Amino acid sequence: MRGNFFLIMRKIRIHGPVLLLMMALAFIAFGDFMRTPVWDATDALILCDAHQLNQNPGAMFHHLGFYFSQPILQLAFLAEYRIFGLEPAGYLLVNLLIHAFNAFMVYMLVNMLFPRTRLAVLAGAVFVLGVGSYGRILMTIQQLEALSLASLHLLVLYCFIRNDFRHDGRVWSPLFLLGVFLFLLTGLTRTASFSLILTLMAYKAFFYKWRKGRAVLSVDLLVFAALGILFYLAQSKWGYRQPTVFGQTDGADHFTWMSFKNIFRYLNLMFFPMQKSPMLESAHPLVALVYHLRTVNPTRCLVNQTFKPASDVHYIDW
């Protein structure tokens, strides 16, 4: 017991300063974002939903779909609302802290896979500073979903790979059981379990030689895959059919197709940026046509939803 305590303290002395560094970088680079007012319509919906939940928190537990949809987010937004009320600075502070923690987890993963401290610190610093779209992910309340999901994914990866390092992927080790628990929480945050399973499979494949030839489809990975399939089936049967924040005509197939098209739209934007460019507009007609098509809106998100009283409210399935 005493040996474990000294080991933990040693780890804190080694990695604690890096965590503080990531937080410092996040606040130096993006601290001014905390002055941003609520400007996104979806954020207003979240606050309204949290207000309804605050009046009657038990109402969210009255239907089975709650347990297979996204209760982690609902509870997180409710907790934020009780602490910060309508003051957006508190919500954005949480976003910054989670983002800094995610950068720290990137450092931990790189440091574990490639034991070079400077390289790992650089990877974490690049992650914390490399926020696209002018840092928009840190400026809206709704982005707690993406930031939290990233944290859970990184933590699952760390537990899974650390268990592979220390225990050869043994399925009854505390690290593996913790990874399974966090893996299930990802499904209660947003349906992205299969992308995480593919990431774990990629690790097994790319580090095949280092892992001394152990099978890619090992027992630990198969357990994750089986749990992901079972959880998906449960969500399909008992969870919400589609997010209530979207229009009734836009189902899962529509957004899957739009996601696929967005891959090529983002590739297009790499060559034809969003800013106006007289040079491109005066170029060959074919080039000008591609330039004008670059900003076609891929989604049609409806946010003018009417909220019902807390006793009969259908909560937003983020």
Foldseek 3Di string as FASTA:
>chain_A
DVVVVVVVVVVCVVLVVLLVVLLVLLCVQCVVLLPFAADDLVLVQLLVLLVLCLVPVCLLVPAQQLVQFAVVVSVVSNVQCVVPPRRSSSLLVVLSSLQSVLLSLQLVVCCVVPVDNVVSSVSSSCSSNVQPPSNVCSNGNVSVLVSVLSVLLSLLVVLQVVCCVPPVRDCPDPSLVVSLVSLVNSSNSDLDLVVSLVVLLVVCVVCCVVSVNDDSPDPSSVVSVVVSVVSVVCCCVRHDQAFPQADPVQGPVLVVVLVVVVVVLVVLCVVQPPDDDPVQCPDDPVSNVSNVPSPDDSDDTHHPDDADRSNDGDRGRD
